[in-house]
């Protein structure tokens, strides 16, 4: 095992520890944590068995395995960005609907407090 593999393994173990702690403190939702835990486990697996990753890279026609790792990392981060953008858009729509509902309820409350008839 080379120095790079040891660093990758230690990084994966630290990532797993941090993610578990974030879950425990409820700073990260479980559905997102699962993705990061899987990534950390895959990194740990390939750090322990680097020949499997090298064989995979060569079977895909990649001459330099770190290049495959870089491409996979960029693709993964792109997917994470798309997923989070989708989630933000969905939450923004929900927030707008909730804000409208709160405004309507506030208006009804103010009308009721003033003695005005409420709309039915």
PDB file of N, CA and C in Angstrom:
ATOM      1  N   UNK A   1       0.852  -1.166   0.000  1.00  0.00           N
ATOM      2  CA  UNK A   1       0.000   0.000   0.000  1.00  0.00           C
ATOM      3  C   UNK A   1       0.903   1.236   0.000  1.00  0.00           C
ATOM      4  N   UNK A   2       0.672   2.125  -0.953  1.00  0.00           N
ATOM      5  CA  UNK A   2       1.491   3.319  -1.065  1.00  0.00           C
ATOM      6  C   UNK A   2       0.931   4.442  -0.197  1.00  0.00           C
ATOM      7  N   UNK A   3       1.670   5.531  -0.155  1.00  0.00           N
ATOM      8  CA  UNK A   3       1.245   6.680   0.643  1.00  0.00           C
ATOM      9  C   UNK A   3      -0.089   7.246   0.188  1.00  0.00           C
ATOM     10  N   UNK A   4      -0.309   7.257  -1.124  1.00  0.00           N
ATOM     11  CA  UNK A   4      -1.571   7.775  -1.658  1.00  0.00           C
ATOM     12  C   UNK A   4      -2.737   6.921  -1.190  1.00  0.00           C
ATOM     13  N   UNK A   5      -2.548   5.618  -1.172  1.00  0.00           N
ATOM     14  CA  UNK A   5      -3.613   4.720  -0.743  1.00  0.00           C
ATOM     15  C   UNK A   5      -3.901   4.881   0.751  1.00  0.00           C
ATOM     16  N   UNK A   6      -2.858   5.092   1.521  1.00  0.00           N
ATOM     17  CA  UNK A   6      -3.048   5.306   2.964  1.00  0.00           C
ATOM     18  C   UNK A   6      -3.805   6.609   3.199  1.00  0.00           C
ATOM     19  N   UNK A   7      -3.431   7.658   2.463  1.00  0.00           N
ATOM     20  CA  UNK A   7      -4.139   8.937   2.596  1.00  0.00           C
ATOM     21  C   UNK A   7      -5.605   8.786   2.194  1.00  0.00           C
ATOM     22  N   UNK A   8      -5.863   8.056   1.124  1.00  0.00           N
ATOM     23  CA  UNK A   8      -7.241   7.835   0.682  1.00  0.00           C
ATOM     24  C   UNK A   8      -8.035   7.064   1.737  1.00  0.00           C
ATOM     25  N   UNK A   9      -7.418   6.047   2.309  1.00  0.00           N
ATOM     26  CA  UNK A   9      -8.091   5.251   3.335  1.00  0.00           C
ATOM     27  C   UNK A   9      -8.374   6.082   4.581  1.00  0.00           C
ATOM     28  N   UNK A  10      -7.408   6.853   5.022  1.00  0.00           N
ATOM     29  CA  UNK A  10      -7.607   7.713   6.200  1.00  0.00           C
ATOM     30  C   UNK A  10      -8.680   8.760   5.910  1.00  0.00           C
ATOM     31  N   UNK A  11      -8.653   9.327   4.709  1.00  0.00           N
ATOM     32  CA  UNK A  11      -9.672  10.310   4.326  1.00  0.00           C
ATOM     33  C   UNK A  11     -11.065   9.692   4.335  1.00  0.00           C
ATOM     34  N   UNK A  12     -11.178   8.479   3.825  1.00  0.00           N
ATOM     35  CA  UNK A  12     -12.473   7.796   3.815  1.00  0.00           C
ATOM     36  C   UNK A  12     -12.960   7.538   5.236  1.00  0.00           C
ATOM     37  N   UNK A  13     -12.065   7.105   6.117  1.00  0.00           N
ATOM     38  CA  UNK A  13     -12.454   6.840   7.501  1.00  0.00           C
ATOM     39  C   UNK A  13     -12.848   8.124   8.224  1.00  0.00           C
ATOM     40  N   UNK A  14     -12.127   9.208   7.965  1.00  0.00           N
ATOM     41  CA  UNK A  14     -12.484  10.498   8.569  1.00  0.00           C
ATOM     42  C   UNK A  14     -13.843  10.958   8.038  1.00  0.00           C
ATOM     43  N   UNK A  15     -14.068  10.776   6.745  1.00  0.00           N
ATOM     44  CA  UNK A  15     -15.352  11.161   6.157  1.00  0.00           C
ATOM     45  C   UNK A  15     -16.495  10.383   6.793  1.00  0.00           C
ATOM     46  N   UNK A  16     -16.320   9.093   6.950  1.00  0.00           N
ATOM     47  CA  UNK A  16     -17.355   8.267   7.584  1.00  0.00           C
ATOM     48  C   UNK A  16     -17.623   8.759   9.006  1.00  0.00           C
ATOM     49  N   UNK A  17     -16.569   9.042   9.750  1.00  0.00           N
ATOM     50  CA  UNK A  17     -16.719   9.512  11.123  1.00  0.00           C
ATOM     51  C   UNK A  17     -17.461  10.847  11.173  1.00  0.00           C
ATOM     52  N   UNK A  18     -17.089  11.774  10.293  1.00  0.00           N
ATOM     53  CA  UNK A  18     -17.730  13.090  10.277  1.00  0.00           C
ATOM     54  C   UNK A  18     -19.204  12.965   9.880  1.00  0.00           C
ATOM     55  N   UNK A  19     -19.504  12.154   8.873  1.00  0.00           N
ATOM     56  CA  UNK A  19     -20.888  11.995   8.428  1.00  0.00           C
ATOM     57  C   UNK A  19     -21.747  11.378   9.539  1.00  0.00           C
ATOM     58  N   UNK A  20     -21.225  10.370  10.203  1.00  0.00           N
ATOM     59  CA  UNK A  20     -21.973   9.745  11.302  1.00  0.00           C
ATOM     60  C   UNK A  20     -22.225  10.767  12.409  1.00  0.00           C
ATOM     61  N   UNK A  21     -21.240  11.593  12.713  1.00  0.00           N
ATOM     62  CA  UNK A  21     -21.413  12.618  13.741  1.00  0.00           C
ATOM     63  C   UNK A  21     -22.442  13.668  13.299  1.00  0.00           C
ATOM     64  N   UNK A  22     -22.421  14.050  12.026  1.00  0.00           N
ATOM     65  CA  UNK A  22     -23.408  15.007  11.521  1.00  0.00           C
ATOM     66  C   UNK A  22     -24.822  14.430  11.576  1.00  0.00           C
ATOM     67  N   UNK A  23     -24.948  13.148  11.298  1.00  0.00           N
ATOM     68  CA  UNK A  23     -26.257  12.488  11.411  1.00  0.00           C
ATOM     69  C   UNK A  23     -26.702  12.480  12.869  1.00  0.00           C
ATOM     70  N   UNK A  24     -25.786  12.133  13.757  1.00  0.00           N
ATOM     71  CA  UNK A  24     -26.103  12.053  15.177  1.00  0.00           C
ATOM     72  C   UNK A  24     -26.585  13.402  15.719  1.00  0.00           C
ATOM     73  N   UNK A  25     -25.965  14.478  15.266  1.00  0.00           N
ATOM     74  CA  UNK A  25     -26.357  15.825  15.707  1.00  0.00           C
ATOM     75  C   UNK A  25     -27.513  16.401  14.897  1.00  0.00           C
ATOM     76  N   UNK A  26     -27.990  15.642  13.936  1.00  0.00           N
ATOM     77  CA  UNK A  26     -29.096  16.046  13.063  1.00  0.00           C
ATOM     78  C   UNK A  26     -28.775  17.287  12.243  1.00  0.00           C
ATOM     79  N   UNK A  27     -27.511  17.406  11.809  1.00  0.00           N
ATOM     80  CA  UNK A  27     -27.102  18.496  10.927  1.00  0.00           C
ATOM     81  C   UNK A  27     -27.259  18.120   9.455  1.00  0.00           C
ATOM     82  N   UNK A  28     -27.360  16.838   9.189  1.00  0.00           N
ATOM     83  CA  UNK A  28     -27.504  16.369   7.813  1.00  0.00           C
ATOM     84  C   UNK A  28     -28.585  15.300   7.799  1.00  0.00           C
ATOM     85  N   UNK A  29     -29.404  15.336   6.781  1.00  0.00           N
ATOM     86  CA  UNK A  29     -30.516  14.386   6.666  1.00  0.00           C
ATOM     87  C   UNK A  29     -29.966  13.033   6.211  1.00  0.00           C
ATOM     88  N   UNK A  30     -30.607  11.984   6.657  1.00  0.00           N
ATOM     89  CA  UNK A  30     -30.123  10.631   6.374  1.00  0.00           C
ATOM     90  C   UNK A  30     -30.042  10.331   4.880  1.00  0.00           C
ATOM     91  N   UNK A  31     -30.992  10.851   4.108  1.00  0.00           N
ATOM     92  CA  UNK A  31     -30.995  10.511   2.682  1.00  0.00           C
ATOM     93  C   UNK A  31     -29.775  11.080   1.970  1.00  0.00           C
ATOM     94  N   UNK A  32     -29.259  12.228   2.439  1.00  0.00           N
ATOM     95  CA  UNK A  32     -28.037  12.774   1.853  1.00  0.00           C
ATOM     96  C   UNK A  32     -26.804  12.087   2.435  1.00  0.00           C
ATOM     97  N   UNK A  33     -26.893  11.718   3.691  1.00  0.00           N
ATOM     98  CA  UNK A  33     -25.762  11.076   4.351  1.00  0.00           C
ATOM     99  C   UNK A  33     -25.441   9.721   3.736  1.00  0.00           C
ATOM    100  N   UNK A  34     -26.458   9.022   3.285  1.00  0.00           N
ATOM    101  CA  UNK A  34     -26.242   7.702   2.680  1.00  0.00           C
ATOM    102  C   UNK A  34     -25.320   7.812   1.469  1.00  0.00           C
ATOM    103  N   UNK A  35     -25.528   8.847   0.669  1.00  0.00           N
ATOM    104  CA  UNK A  35     -24.693   9.035  -0.516  1.00  0.00           C
ATOM    105  C   UNK A  35     -23.238   9.217  -0.114  1.00  0.00           C
ATOM    106  N   UNK A  36     -23.006  10.085   0.865  1.00  0.00           N
ATOM    107  CA  UNK A  36     -21.621  10.359   1.270  1.00  0.00           C
ATOM    108  C   UNK A  36     -20.992   9.148   1.952  1.00  0.00           C
ATOM    109  N   UNK A  37     -21.773   8.394   2.699  1.00  0.00           N
ATOM    110  CA  UNK A  37     -21.230   7.180   3.307  1.00  0.00           C
ATOM    111  C   UNK A  37     -20.854   6.153   2.238  1.00  0.00           C
ATOM    112  N   UNK A  38     -21.689   6.032   1.211  1.00  0.00           N
ATOM    113  CA  UNK A  38     -21.359   5.108   0.122  1.00  0.00           C
ATOM    114  C   UNK A  38     -20.096   5.542  -0.611  1.00  0.00           C
ATOM    115  N   UNK A  39     -19.963   6.827  -0.850  1.00  0.00           N
ATOM    116  CA  UNK A  39     -18.747   7.335  -1.506  1.00  0.00           C
ATOM    117  C   UNK A  39     -17.523   7.025  -0.651  1.00  0.00           C
ATOM    118  N   UNK A  40     -17.619   7.264   0.634  1.00  0.00           N
ATOM    119  CA  UNK A  40     -16.491   6.993   1.526  1.00  0.00           C
ATOM    120  C   UNK A  40     -16.146   5.501   1.548  1.00  0.00           C
ATOM    121  N   UNK A  41     -17.163   4.648   1.529  1.00  0.00           N
ATOM    122  CA  UNK A  41     -16.909   3.204   1.516  1.00  0.00           C
ATOM    123  C   UNK A  41     -16.258   2.757   0.205  1.00  0.00           C
ATOM    124  N   UNK A  42     -16.698   3.333  -0.912  1.00  0.00           N
ATOM    125  CA  UNK A  42     -16.085   3.000  -2.211  1.00  0.00           C
ATOM    126  C   UNK A  42     -14.629   3.449  -2.235  1.00  0.00           C
ATOM    127  N   UNK A  43     -14.373   4.653  -1.730  1.00  0.00           N
ATOM    128  CA  UNK A  43     -12.989   5.142  -1.681  1.00  0.00           C
ATOM    129  C   UNK A  43     -12.142   4.239  -0.795  1.00  0.00           C
ATOM    130  N   UNK A  44     -12.675   3.844   0.351  1.00  0.00           N
ATOM    131  CA  UNK A  44     -11.931   2.948   1.249  1.00  0.00           C
ATOM    132  C   UNK A  44     -11.665   1.607   0.575  1.00  0.00           C
ATOM    133  N   UNK A  45     -12.663   1.083  -0.132  1.00  0.00           N
ATOM    134  CA  UNK A  45     -12.496  -0.196  -0.824  1.00  0.00           C
ATOM    135  C   UNK A  45     -11.373  -0.121  -1.862  1.00  0.00           C
ATOM    136  N   UNK A  46     -11.410   0.936  -2.690  1.00  0.00           N
ATOM    137  CA  UNK A  46     -10.380   1.066  -3.721  1.00  0.00           C
ATOM    138  C   UNK A  46      -9.022   1.433  -3.138  1.00  0.00           C
ATOM    139  N   UNK A  47      -9.001   2.056  -1.958  1.00  0.00           N
ATOM    140  CA  UNK A  47      -7.723   2.335  -1.298  1.00  0.00           C
ATOM    141  C   UNK A  47      -7.105   1.039  -0.772  1.00  0.00           C
ATOM    142  N   UNK A  48      -7.953   0.136  -0.306  1.00  0.00           N
ATOM    143  CA  UNK A  48      -7.454  -1.147   0.199  1.00  0.00           C
ATOM    144  C   UNK A  48      -7.085  -2.080  -0.951  1.00  0.00           C
ATOM    145  N   UNK A  49      -7.877  -2.053  -2.027  1.00  0.00           N
ATOM    146  CA  UNK A  49      -7.635  -2.909  -3.188  1.00  0.00           C
ATOM    147  C   UNK A  49      -7.424  -2.058  -4.445  1.00  0.00           C
ATOM    148  N   UNK A  50      -6.279  -1.367  -4.556  1.00  0.00           N
ATOM    149  CA  UNK A  50      -6.064  -0.471  -5.701  1.00  0.00           C
ATOM    150  C   UNK A  50      -5.956  -1.201  -7.034  1.00  0.00           C
ATOM    151  N   UNK A  51      -5.573  -2.452  -7.007  1.00  0.00           N
ATOM    152  CA  UNK A  51      -5.448  -3.177  -8.276  1.00  0.00           C
ATOM    153  C   UNK A  51      -6.802  -3.365  -8.955  1.00  0.00           C
ATOM    154  N   UNK A  52      -7.873  -3.436  -8.159  1.00  0.00           N
ATOM    155  CA  UNK A  52      -9.206  -3.571  -8.748  1.00  0.00           C
ATOM    156  C   UNK A  52      -9.558  -2.299  -9.517  1.00  0.00           C
ATOM    157  N   UNK A  53      -9.267  -1.135  -8.928  1.00  0.00           N
ATOM    158  CA  UNK A  53      -9.546   0.126  -9.616  1.00  0.00           C
ATOM    159  C   UNK A  53      -8.680   0.259 -10.862  1.00  0.00           C
ATOM    160  N   UNK A  54      -7.413  -0.113 -10.747  1.00  0.00           N
ATOM    161  CA  UNK A  54      -6.515  -0.050 -11.908  1.00  0.00           C
ATOM    162  C   UNK A  54      -7.008  -0.970 -13.029  1.00  0.00           C
ATOM    163  N   UNK A  55      -7.445  -2.162 -12.669  1.00  0.00           N
ATOM    164  CA  UNK A  55      -7.975  -3.099 -13.666  1.00  0.00           C
ATOM    165  C   UNK A  55      -9.242  -2.550 -14.311  1.00  0.00           C
ATOM    166  N   UNK A  56     -10.098  -1.938 -13.504  1.00  0.00           N
ATOM    167  CA  UNK A  56     -11.317  -1.331 -14.026  1.00  0.00           C
ATOM    168  C   UNK A  56     -10.981  -0.211 -15.011  1.00  0.00           C
ATOM    169  N   UNK A  57     -10.029   0.619 -14.641  1.00  0.00           N
ATOM    170  CA  UNK A  57      -9.633   1.723 -15.522  1.00  0.00           C
ATOM    171  C   UNK A  57      -9.083   1.187 -16.835  1.00  0.00           C
ATOM    172  N   UNK A  58      -8.196   0.206 -16.780  1.00  0.00           N
ATOM    173  CA  UNK A  58      -7.606  -0.352 -17.990  1.00  0.00           C
ATOM    174  C   UNK A  58      -8.650  -1.069 -18.847  1.00  0.00           C
ATOM    175  N   UNK A  59      -9.617  -1.724 -18.206  1.00  0.00           N
ATOM    176  CA  UNK A  59     -10.659  -2.399 -18.988  1.00  0.00           C
ATOM    177  C   UNK A  59     -11.575  -1.393 -19.697  1.00  0.00           C
ATOM    178  N   UNK A  60     -11.656  -0.178 -19.168  1.00  0.00           N
ATOM    179  CA  UNK A  60     -12.433   0.878 -19.808  1.00  0.00           C
ATOM    180  C   UNK A  60     -11.610   1.643 -20.851  1.00  0.00           C
ATOM    181  N   UNK A  61     -10.353   1.257 -21.004  1.00  0.00           N
ATOM    182  CA  UNK A  61      -9.494   1.895 -21.997  1.00  0.00           C
ATOM    183  C   UNK A  61      -8.788   3.130 -21.494  1.00  0.00           C
ATOM    184  N   UNK A  62      -8.775   3.343 -20.185  1.00  0.00           N
ATOM    185  CA  UNK A  62      -8.095   4.496 -19.598  1.00  0.00           C
ATOM    186  C   UNK A  62      -6.670   4.075 -19.261  1.00  0.00           C
ATOM    187  N   UNK A  63      -5.700   4.803 -19.807  1.00  0.00           N
ATOM    188  CA  UNK A  63      -4.298   4.426 -19.596  1.00  0.00           C
ATOM    189  C   UNK A  63      -3.787   4.852 -18.225  1.00  0.00           C
ATOM    190  N   UNK A  64      -4.336   5.949 -17.701  1.00  0.00           N
ATOM    191  CA  UNK A  64      -3.885   6.473 -16.418  1.00  0.00           C
ATOM    192  C   UNK A  64      -5.056   6.438 -15.427  1.00  0.00           C
ATOM    193  N   UNK A  65      -5.081   5.485 -14.490  1.00  0.00           N
ATOM    194  CA  UNK A  65      -6.209   5.346 -13.563  1.00  0.00           C
ATOM    195  C   UNK A  65      -6.585   6.618 -12.797  1.00  0.00           C
ATOM    196  N   UNK A  66      -5.617   7.453 -12.385  1.00  0.00           N
ATOM    197  CA  UNK A  66      -6.043   8.700 -11.714  1.00  0.00           C
ATOM    198  C   UNK A  66      -6.912   9.595 -12.604  1.00  0.00           C
ATOM    199  N   UNK A  67      -6.747   9.506 -13.916  1.00  0.00           N
ATOM    200  CA  UNK A  67      -7.611  10.278 -14.819  1.00  0.00           C
ATOM    201  C   UNK A  67      -9.051   9.811 -14.698  1.00  0.00           C
ATOM    202  N   UNK A  68      -9.256   8.511 -14.614  1.00  0.00           N
ATOM    203  CA  UNK A  68     -10.606   7.976 -14.436  1.00  0.00           C
ATOM    204  C   UNK A  68     -11.183   8.447 -13.108  1.00  0.00           C
ATOM    205  N   UNK A  69     -10.361   8.442 -12.080  1.00  0.00           N
ATOM    206  CA  UNK A  69     -10.808   8.901 -10.770  1.00  0.00           C
ATOM    207  C   UNK A  69     -11.240  10.364 -10.830  1.00  0.00           C
ATOM    208  N   UNK A  70     -10.486  11.185 -11.535  1.00  0.00           N
ATOM    209  CA  UNK A  70     -10.839  12.610 -11.677  1.00  0.00           C
ATOM    210  C   UNK A  70     -12.153  12.785 -12.423  1.00  0.00           C
ATOM    211  N   UNK A  71     -12.313  12.060 -13.517  1.00  0.00           N
ATOM    212  CA  UNK A  71     -13.544  12.171 -14.303  1.00  0.00           C
ATOM    213  C   UNK A  71     -14.739  11.700 -13.476  1.00  0.00           C
ATOM    214  N   UNK A  72     -14.595  10.591 -12.783  1.00  0.00           N
ATOM    215  CA  UNK A  72     -15.692  10.092 -11.951  1.00  0.00           C
ATOM    216  C   UNK A  72     -16.027  11.068 -10.833  1.00  0.00           C
ATOM    217  N   UNK A  73     -14.999  11.680 -10.246  1.00  0.00           N
ATOM    218  CA  UNK A  73     -15.226  12.675  -9.192  1.00  0.00           C
ATOM    219  C   UNK A  73     -15.985  13.880  -9.704  1.00  0.00           C
ATOM    220  N   UNK A  74     -15.596  14.383 -10.872  1.00  0.00           N
ATOM    221  CA  UNK A  74     -16.284  15.539 -11.458  1.00  0.00           C
ATOM    222  C   UNK A  74     -17.728  15.182 -11.807  1.00  0.00           C
ATOM    223  N   UNK A  75     -17.952  14.011 -12.385  1.00  0.00           N
ATOM    224  CA  UNK A  75     -19.314  13.587 -12.724  1.00  0.00           C
ATOM    225  C   UNK A  75     -20.174  13.439 -11.472  1.00  0.00           C
ATOM    226  N   UNK A  76     -19.600  12.874 -10.427  1.00  0.00           N
ATOM    227  CA  UNK A  76     -20.332  12.720  -9.180  1.00  0.00           C
ATOM    228  C   UNK A  76     -20.722  14.076  -8.607  1.00  0.00           C
ATOM    229  N   UNK A  77     -19.776  15.015  -8.584  1.00  0.00           N
ATOM    230  CA  UNK A  77     -20.077  16.334  -8.050  1.00  0.00           C
ATOM    231  C   UNK A  77     -21.093  17.075  -8.914  1.00  0.00           C
ATOM    232  N   UNK A  78     -21.058  16.848 -10.218  1.00  0.00           N
ATOM    233  CA  UNK A  78     -22.063  17.431 -11.102  1.00  0.00           C
ATOM    234  C   UNK A  78     -23.447  16.896 -10.756  1.00  0.00           C
ATOM    235  N   UNK A  79     -23.549  15.592 -10.535  1.00  0.00           N
ATOM    236  CA  UNK A  79     -24.832  14.996 -10.149  1.00  0.00           C
ATOM    237  C   UNK A  79     -25.316  15.529  -8.803  1.00  0.00           C
ATOM    238  N   UNK A  80     -24.399  15.711  -7.871  1.00  0.00           N
ATOM    239  CA  UNK A  80     -24.774  16.263  -6.568  1.00  0.00           C
ATOM    240  C   UNK A  80     -25.299  17.687  -6.734  1.00  0.00           C
ATOM    241  N   UNK A  81     -24.643  18.488  -7.567  1.00  0.00           N
ATOM    242  CA  UNK A  81     -25.093  19.862  -7.804  1.00  0.00           C
ATOM    243  C   UNK A  81     -26.478  19.886  -8.449  1.00  0.00           C
ATOM    244  N   UNK A  82     -26.711  19.027  -9.413  1.00  0.00           N
ATOM    245  CA  UNK A  82     -28.024  18.965 -10.061  1.00  0.00           C
ATOM    246  C   UNK A  82     -29.083  18.549  -9.048  1.00  0.00           C
ATOM    247  N   UNK A  83     -28.783  17.557  -8.253  1.00  0.00           N
ATOM    248  CA  UNK A  83     -29.732  17.082  -7.238  1.00  0.00           C
ATOM    249  C   UNK A  83     -30.049  18.187  -6.234  1.00  0.00           C
ATOM    250  N   UNK A  84     -29.030  18.889  -5.757  1.00  0.00           N
ATOM    251  CA  UNK A  84     -29.267  19.951  -4.793  1.00  0.00           C
ATOM    252  C   UNK A  84     -30.012  21.127  -5.427  1.00  0.00           C
ATOM    253  N   UNK A  85     -29.744  21.415  -6.685  1.00  0.00           N
ATOM    254  CA  UNK A  85     -30.483  22.475  -7.386  1.00  0.00           C
ATOM    255  C   UNK A  85     -31.954  22.108  -7.499  1.00  0.00           C
ATOM    256  N   UNK A  86     -32.227  20.860  -7.809  1.00  0.00           N
ATOM    257  CA  UNK A  86     -33.614  20.386  -7.879  1.00  0.00           C
ATOM    258  C   UNK A  86     -34.280  20.528  -6.515  1.00  0.00           C
ATOM    259  N   UNK A  87     -33.566  20.145  -5.473  1.00  0.00           N
ATOM    260  CA  UNK A  87     -34.106  20.212  -4.112  1.00  0.00           C
ATOM    261  C   UNK A  87     -34.375  21.663  -3.712  1.00  0.00           C
ATOM    262  N   UNK A  88     -33.473  22.570  -4.044  1.00  0.00           N
ATOM    263  CA  UNK A  88     -33.670  23.987  -3.724  1.00  0.00           C
ATOM    264  C   UNK A  88     -34.891  24.535  -4.465  1.00  0.00           C
ATOM    265  N   UNK A  89     -35.043  24.188  -5.731  1.00  0.00           N
ATOM    266  CA  UNK A  89     -36.197  24.644  -6.497  1.00  0.00           C
ATOM    267  C   UNK A  89     -37.500  24.142  -5.904  1.00  0.00           C
ATOM    268  N   UNK A  90     -37.517  22.877  -5.518  1.00  0.00           N
ATOM    269  CA  UNK A  90     -38.713  22.291  -4.909  1.00  0.00           C
ATOM    270  C   UNK A  90     -39.041  22.972  -3.586  1.00  0.00           C
ATOM    271  N   UNK A  91     -38.025  23.232  -2.775  1.00  0.00           N
ATOM    272  CA  UNK A  91     -38.250  23.889  -1.490  1.00  0.00           C
ATOM    273  C   UNK A  91     -38.669  25.347  -1.671  1.00  0.00           C
ATOM    274  N   UNK A  92     -38.149  25.993  -2.711  1.00  0.00           N
ATOM    275  CA  UNK A  92     -38.552  27.372  -2.984  1.00  0.00           C
ATOM    276  C   UNK A  92     -40.036  27.435  -3.334  1.00  0.00           C
ATOM    277  N   UNK A  93     -40.505  26.504  -4.143  1.00  0.00           N
ATOM    278  CA  UNK A  93     -41.927  26.464  -4.483  1.00  0.00           C
ATOM    279  C   UNK A  93     -42.777  26.230  -3.242  1.00  0.00           C
ATOM    280  N   UNK A  94     -42.348  25.312  -2.396  1.00  0.00           N
ATOM    281  CA  UNK A  94     -43.098  25.035  -1.162  1.00  0.00           C
ATOM    282  C   UNK A  94     -43.106  26.257  -0.247  1.00  0.00           C
ATOM    283  N   UNK A  95     -41.989  26.973  -0.185  1.00  0.00           N
ATOM    284  CA  UNK A  95     -41.903  28.160   0.660  1.00  0.00           C
ATOM    285  C   UNK A  95     -42.854  29.241   0.163  1.00  0.00           C
ATOM    286  N   UNK A  96     -42.944  29.420  -1.145  1.00  0.00           N
ATOM    287  CA  UNK A  96     -43.862  30.418  -1.707  1.00  0.00           C
ATOM    288  C   UNK A  96     -45.310  30.068  -1.378  1.00  0.00           C
ATOM    289  N   UNK A  97     -45.671  28.806  -1.508  1.00  0.00           N
ATOM    290  CA  UNK A  97     -47.036  28.383  -1.186  1.00  0.00           C
ATOM    291  C   UNK A  97     -47.328  28.617   0.294  1.00  0.00           C
ATOM    292  N   UNK A  98     -46.372  28.258   1.156  1.00  0.00           N
ATOM    293  CA  UNK A  98     -46.571  28.464   2.590  1.00  0.00           C
ATOM    294  C   UNK A  98     -46.671  29.946   2.935  1.00  0.00           C
ATOM    295  N   UNK A  99     -45.880  30.782   2.281  1.00  0.00           N
ATOM    296  CA  UNK A  99     -45.946  32.221   2.534  1.00  0.00           C
ATOM    297  C   UNK A  99     -47.311  32.775   2.135  1.00  0.00           C
ATOM    298  N   UNK A 100     -47.847  32.310   1.019  1.00  0.00           N
ATOM    299  CA  UNK A 100     -49.176  32.752   0.593  1.00  0.00           C
ATOM    300  C   UNK A 100     -50.240  32.304   1.585  1.00  0.00           C
ATOM    301  N   UNK A 101     -50.125  31.068   2.056  1.00  0.00           N
ATOM    302  CA  UNK A 101     -51.099  30.562   3.021  1.00  0.00           C
ATOM    303  C   UNK A 101     -51.021  31.334   4.337  1.00  0.00           C
ATOM    304  N   UNK A 102     -49.821  31.663   4.779  1.00  0.00           N
ATOM    305  CA  UNK A 102     -49.658  32.444   6.010  1.00  0.00           C
ATOM    306  C   UNK A 102     -50.251  33.835   5.834  1.00  0.00           C
ATOM    307  N   UNK A 103     -50.040  34.437   4.672  1.00  0.00           N
ATOM    308  CA  UNK A 103     -50.607  35.764   4.416  1.00  0.00           C
ATOM    309  C   UNK A 103     -52.126  35.717   4.463  1.00  0.00           C
ATOM    310  N   UNK A 104     -52.726  34.694   3.872  1.00  0.00           N
ATOM    311  CA  UNK A 104     -54.185  34.561   3.915  1.00  0.00           C
ATOM    312  C   UNK A 104     -54.683  34.354   5.343  1.00  0.00           C
ATOM    313  N   UNK A 105     -53.998  33.505   6.095  1.00  0.00           N
ATOM    314  CA  UNK A 105     -54.397  33.268   7.486  1.00  0.00           C
ATOM    315  C   UNK A 105     -54.235  34.529   8.328  1.00  0.00           C
ATOM    316  N   UNK A 106     -53.165  35.276   8.102  1.00  0.00           N
ATOM    317  CA  UNK A 106     -52.949  36.521   8.833  1.00  0.00           C
ATOM    318  C   UNK A 106     -54.069  37.517   8.533  1.00  0.00           C
ATOM    319  N   UNK A 107     -54.460  37.599   7.274  1.00  0.00           N
ATOM    320  CA  UNK A 107     -55.544  38.504   6.872  1.00  0.00           C
ATOM    321  C   UNK A 107     -56.854  38.093   7.552  1.00  0.00           C
ATOM    322  N   UNK A 108     -57.148  36.805   7.548  1.00  0.00           N
ATOM    323  CA  UNK A 108     -58.367  36.320   8.211  1.00  0.00           C
ATOM    324  C   UNK A 108     -58.321  36.613   9.701  1.00  0.00           C
ATOM    325  N   UNK A 109     -57.167  36.439  10.328  1.00  0.00           N
ATOM    326  CA  UNK A 109     -57.014  36.699  11.753  1.00  0.00           C
ATOM    327  C   UNK A 109     -57.223  38.183  12.057  1.00  0.00           C
ATOM    328  N   UNK A 110     -56.618  39.047  11.228  1.00  0.00           N
ATOM    329  CA  UNK A 110     -56.774  40.487  11.437  1.00  0.00           C
ATOM    330  C   UNK A 110     -58.226  40.912  11.235  1.00  0.00           C
ATOM    331  N   UNK A 111     -58.865  40.337  10.216  1.00  0.00           N
ATOM    332  CA  UNK A 111     -60.275  40.646   9.981  1.00  0.00           C
ATOM    333  C   UNK A 111     -61.135  40.193  11.162  1.00  0.00           C
ATOM    334  N   UNK A 112     -60.860  39.024  11.686  1.00  0.00           N
ATOM    335  CA  UNK A 112     -61.625  38.509  12.827  1.00  0.00           C
ATOM    336  C   UNK A 112     -61.363  39.356  14.065  1.00  0.00           C
ATOM    337  N   UNK A 113     -60.144  39.819  14.233  1.00  0.00           N
ATOM    338  CA  UNK A 113     -59.809  40.642  15.393  1.00  0.00           C
ATOM    339  C   UNK A 113     -60.493  42.000  15.326  1.00  0.00           C
ATOM    340  N   UNK A 114     -60.722  42.506  14.115  1.00  0.00           N
ATOM    341  CA  UNK A 114     -61.384  43.788  13.939  1.00  0.00           C
ATOM    342  C   UNK A 114     -62.899  43.648  13.980  1.00  0.00           C
ATOM    343  N   UNK A 115     -63.378  42.448  14.051  1.00  0.00           N
ATOM    344  CA  UNK A 115     -64.811  42.219  14.081  1.00  0.00           C
ATOM    345  C   UNK A 115     -65.438  42.144  12.715  1.00  0.00           C
ATOM    346  N   UNK A 116     -64.642  42.159  11.692  1.00  0.00           N
ATOM    347  CA  UNK A 116     -65.162  42.076  10.329  1.00  0.00           C
ATOM    348  C   UNK A 116     -65.526  40.625  10.041  1.00  0.00           C
ATOM    349  N   UNK A 117     -66.546  40.418   9.231  1.00  0.00           N
ATOM    350  CA  UNK A 117     -66.925  39.032   8.899  1.00  0.00           C
ATOM    351  C   UNK A 117     -65.825  38.374   8.058  1.00  0.00           C
ATOM    352  N   UNK A 118     -65.617  37.097   8.324  1.00  0.00           N
ATOM    353  CA  UNK A 118     -64.605  36.352   7.555  1.00  0.00           C
ATOM    354  C   UNK A 118     -65.231  35.827   6.276  1.00  0.00           C
ATOM    355  N   UNK A 119     -64.418  35.594   5.313  1.00  0.00           N
ATOM    356  CA  UNK A 119     -64.909  35.057   4.053  1.00  0.00           C
ATOM    357  C   UNK A 119     -65.038  33.537   4.161  1.00  0.00           C
ATOM    358  N   UNK A 120     -66.104  33.029   3.622  1.00  0.00           N
ATOM    359  CA  UNK A 120     -66.294  31.562   3.650  1.00  0.00           C
ATOM    360  C   UNK A 120     -66.545  31.056   2.280  1.00  0.00           C
TER     361      UNK A 120
END
